[in-house]
Amino acid sequence: MKTQAHLIGSLVLVHYQDRPTVYARIEAIEPDVKKDWYQVTLLLLSIPAKDITWILREEYILGSPFTMGGQSMKLEPIPSHTPPAVKVQDTPKEDGTGKSGKVVPFKKGRS
């Protein structure tokens, strides 16, 4: 599997019966004894967190729908998020030293 190293640590949204159910982090991807299948260890980000291992084909790991025990399943990749750069402003200090300090504005996150 070419993308194996890239996927370790990735977040996915697990869909069960076509409904988003739980987020998970891919912990490990190891070849299975069956050709073109992989043992995928996921850390379910639930309370409490739980490790599970599923045997999946590469296309299922990458987001194609599949069935497990007759139930529809899907791992939806969650894209990485890079927060926007924070603009830093120079302002003079009020302690009389004449040196300027830096003020970093605080912005509330969106709910």
C-alpha atoms as a PDB file:
ATOM      1  CA  MET A   1       0.000   0.000   0.000  1.00  0.00           C
ATOM      2  CA  LYS A   2       1.681   3.182  -1.191  1.00  0.00           C
ATOM      3  CA  THR A   3      -0.186   5.613   1.076  1.00  0.00           C
ATOM      4  CA  GLN A   4       0.233   3.618   4.293  1.00  0.00           C
ATOM      5  CA  ALA A   5       2.740   5.903   6.038  1.00  0.00           C
ATOM      6  CA  HIS A   6       0.780   8.977   4.995  1.00  0.00           C
ATOM      7  CA  LEU A   7      -2.437   7.647   6.566  1.00  0.00           C
ATOM      8  CA  ILE A   8      -1.042   6.762  10.005  1.00  0.00           C
ATOM      9  CA  GLY A   9      -2.321   9.399  12.438  1.00  0.00           C
ATOM     10  CA  SER A  10      -5.040  10.570  10.032  1.00  0.00           C
ATOM     11  CA  LEU A  11      -8.520  11.306  11.292  1.00  0.00           C
ATOM     12  CA  VAL A  12     -11.580   9.682   9.747  1.00  0.00           C
ATOM     13  CA  LEU A  13     -15.296   9.949  10.364  1.00  0.00           C
ATOM     14  CA  VAL A  14     -16.829   6.476  10.637  1.00  0.00           C
ATOM     15  CA  HIS A  15     -20.247   6.168   8.990  1.00  0.00           C
ATOM     16  CA  TYR A  16     -22.527   3.344  10.121  1.00  0.00           C
ATOM     17  CA  GLN A  17     -25.732   2.676   8.166  1.00  0.00           C
ATOM     18  CA  ASP A  18     -25.062   5.850   6.132  1.00  0.00           C
ATOM     19  CA  ARG A  19     -24.917   8.050   9.250  1.00  0.00           C
ATOM     20  CA  PRO A  20     -21.823   9.729  10.708  1.00  0.00           C
ATOM     21  CA  THR A  21     -21.223   7.918  13.994  1.00  0.00           C
ATOM     22  CA  VAL A  22     -17.784   8.462  15.537  1.00  0.00           C
ATOM     23  CA  TYR A  23     -14.415  10.011  14.756  1.00  0.00           C
ATOM     24  CA  ALA A  24     -11.352   7.765  14.761  1.00  0.00           C
ATOM     25  CA  ARG A  25      -7.602   8.047  14.299  1.00  0.00           C
ATOM     26  CA  ILE A  26      -5.744   5.516  12.141  1.00  0.00           C
ATOM     27  CA  GLU A  27      -3.131   3.985  14.451  1.00  0.00           C
ATOM     28  CA  ALA A  28      -1.643   1.264  12.253  1.00  0.00           C
ATOM     29  CA  ILE A  29      -2.023  -0.401   8.858  1.00  0.00           C
ATOM     30  CA  GLU A  30      -0.483  -3.861   8.477  1.00  0.00           C
ATOM     31  CA  PRO A  31      -0.788  -6.353   5.601  1.00  0.00           C
ATOM     32  CA  ASP A  32      -3.263  -9.158   6.246  1.00  0.00           C
ATOM     33  CA  VAL A  33      -2.689 -12.788   5.239  1.00  0.00           C
ATOM     34  CA  LYS A  34      -5.241 -12.269   2.443  1.00  0.00           C
ATOM     35  CA  LYS A  35      -3.707 -10.581  -0.605  1.00  0.00           C
ATOM     36  CA  ASP A  36      -4.670  -6.882  -1.005  1.00  0.00           C
ATOM     37  CA  TRP A  37      -6.297  -6.716   2.457  1.00  0.00           C
ATOM     38  CA  TYR A  38      -4.959  -4.812   5.485  1.00  0.00           C
ATOM     39  CA  GLN A  39      -5.423  -4.950   9.247  1.00  0.00           C
ATOM     40  CA  VAL A  40      -6.335  -1.369  10.153  1.00  0.00           C
ATOM     41  CA  THR A  41      -6.157  -0.383  13.806  1.00  0.00           C
ATOM     42  CA  LEU A  42      -8.388   2.569  14.661  1.00  0.00           C
ATOM     43  CA  LEU A  43      -8.620   4.519  17.903  1.00  0.00           C
ATOM     44  CA  LEU A  44     -12.290   5.419  18.279  1.00  0.00           C
ATOM     45  CA  LEU A  45     -12.445   8.932  19.723  1.00  0.00           C
ATOM     46  CA  SER A  46     -15.377   8.160  21.971  1.00  0.00           C
ATOM     47  CA  ILE A  47     -15.752   8.146  25.732  1.00  0.00           C
ATOM     48  CA  PRO A  48     -14.050   5.962  26.679  1.00  0.00           C
ATOM     49  CA  ALA A  49     -11.658   5.770  23.708  1.00  0.00           C
ATOM     50  CA  LYS A  50     -11.388   2.272  22.248  1.00  0.00           C
ATOM     51  CA  ASP A  51      -8.957   0.491  19.904  1.00  0.00           C
ATOM     52  CA  ILE A  52     -10.448  -1.677  17.172  1.00  0.00           C
ATOM     53  CA  THR A  53      -8.895  -3.561  14.264  1.00  0.00           C
ATOM     54  CA  TRP A  54     -10.729  -4.063  11.004  1.00  0.00           C
ATOM     55  CA  ILE A  55      -9.564  -6.008   7.952  1.00  0.00           C
ATOM     56  CA  LEU A  56     -10.121  -3.738   4.940  1.00  0.00           C
ATOM     57  CA  ARG A  57      -9.065  -3.264   1.325  1.00  0.00           C
ATOM     58  CA  GLU A  58      -7.139  -0.121   0.378  1.00  0.00           C
ATOM     59  CA  GLU A  59     -10.129   1.518  -1.321  1.00  0.00           C
ATOM     60  CA  TYR A  60     -12.172   1.147   1.885  1.00  0.00           C
ATOM     61  CA  ILE A  61      -9.434   2.824   3.912  1.00  0.00           C
ATOM     62  CA  LEU A  62      -9.432   5.669   1.390  1.00  0.00           C
ATOM     63  CA  GLY A  63     -13.194   6.278   1.689  1.00  0.00           C
ATOM     64  CA  SER A  64     -15.119   3.856  -0.539  1.00  0.00           C
ATOM     65  CA  PRO A  65     -18.267   2.434   1.085  1.00  0.00           C
ATOM     66  CA  PHE A  66     -18.262  -1.217   2.228  1.00  0.00           C
ATOM     67  CA  THR A  67     -20.390  -3.565   4.313  1.00  0.00           C
ATOM     68  CA  MET A  68     -19.526  -5.223   7.588  1.00  0.00           C
ATOM     69  CA  GLY A  69     -21.888  -7.844   8.974  1.00  0.00           C
ATOM     70  CA  GLY A  70     -24.441  -6.737   6.365  1.00  0.00           C
ATOM     71  CA  GLN A  71     -24.328  -3.104   7.579  1.00  0.00           C
ATOM     72  CA  SER A  72     -23.155  -0.253   5.345  1.00  0.00           C
ATOM     73  CA  MET A  73     -19.927   1.388   6.525  1.00  0.00           C
ATOM     74  CA  LYS A  74     -17.611   4.121   5.302  1.00  0.00           C
ATOM     75  CA  LEU A  75     -14.423   5.819   6.525  1.00  0.00           C
ATOM     76  CA  GLU A  76     -14.589   9.466   5.498  1.00  0.00           C
ATOM     77  CA  PRO A  77     -11.131  11.116   5.552  1.00  0.00           C
ATOM     78  CA  ILE A  78     -11.004  14.359   7.541  1.00  0.00           C
ATOM     79  CA  PRO A  79      -8.745  16.906   5.825  1.00  0.00           C
ATOM     80  CA  SER A  80      -5.914  18.394   7.849  1.00  0.00           C
ATOM     81  CA  HIS A  81      -6.644  21.862   9.215  1.00  0.00           C
ATOM     82  CA  THR A  82      -4.056  24.616   9.322  1.00  0.00           C
ATOM     83  CA  PRO A  83      -5.279  27.637  11.280  1.00  0.00           C
ATOM     84  CA  PRO A  84      -4.753  31.027   9.610  1.00  0.00           C
ATOM     85  CA  ALA A  85      -1.638  32.968  10.592  1.00  0.00           C
ATOM     86  CA  VAL A  86      -2.142  35.444  13.434  1.00  0.00           C
ATOM     87  CA  LYS A  87      -1.270  39.042  12.640  1.00  0.00           C
ATOM     88  CA  VAL A  88       1.108  40.494  15.246  1.00  0.00           C
ATOM     89  CA  GLN A  89       0.958  44.235  16.005  1.00  0.00           C
ATOM     90  CA  ASP A  90       3.793  46.371  17.416  1.00  0.00           C
ATOM     91  CA  THR A  91       2.784  48.792  20.185  1.00  0.00           C
ATOM     92  CA  PRO A  92       4.913  51.009  22.442  1.00  0.00           C
ATOM     93  CA  LYS A  93       5.294  49.850  26.053  1.00  0.00           C
ATOM     94  CA  GLU A  94       3.772  52.021  28.720  1.00  0.00           C
ATOM     95  CA  ASP A  95       6.598  51.461  31.218  1.00  0.00           C
ATOM     96  CA  GLY A  96       8.662  54.362  29.866  1.00  0.00           C
ATOM     97  CA  THR A  97      11.453  52.232  28.412  1.00  0.00           C
ATOM     98  CA  GLY A  98      10.543  53.258  24.892  1.00  0.00           C
ATOM     99  CA  LYS A  99      10.855  49.674  23.694  1.00  0.00           C
ATOM    100  CA  SER A 100       7.928  48.210  21.873  1.00  0.00           C
ATOM    101  CA  GLY A 101       6.167  45.009  22.786  1.00  0.00           C
ATOM    102  CA  LYS A 102       4.019  42.750  20.685  1.00  0.00           C
ATOM    103  CA  VAL A 103       0.272  42.388  21.069  1.00  0.00           C
ATOM    104  CA  VAL A 104      -1.304  39.223  19.768  1.00  0.00           C
ATOM    105  CA  PRO A 105      -5.057  39.660  19.319  1.00  0.00           C
ATOM    106  CA  PHE A 106      -7.270  36.998  20.848  1.00  0.00           C
ATOM    107  CA  LYS A 107     -10.053  35.797  18.586  1.00  0.00           C
ATOM    108  CA  LYS A 108     -12.824  33.592  19.855  1.00  0.00           C
ATOM    109  CA  GLY A 109     -13.260  30.286  18.051  1.00  0.00           C
ATOM    110  CA  ARG A 110     -16.454  29.489  16.239  1.00  0.00           C
ATOM    111  CA  SER A 111     -18.874  27.097  17.870  1.00  0.00           C
END
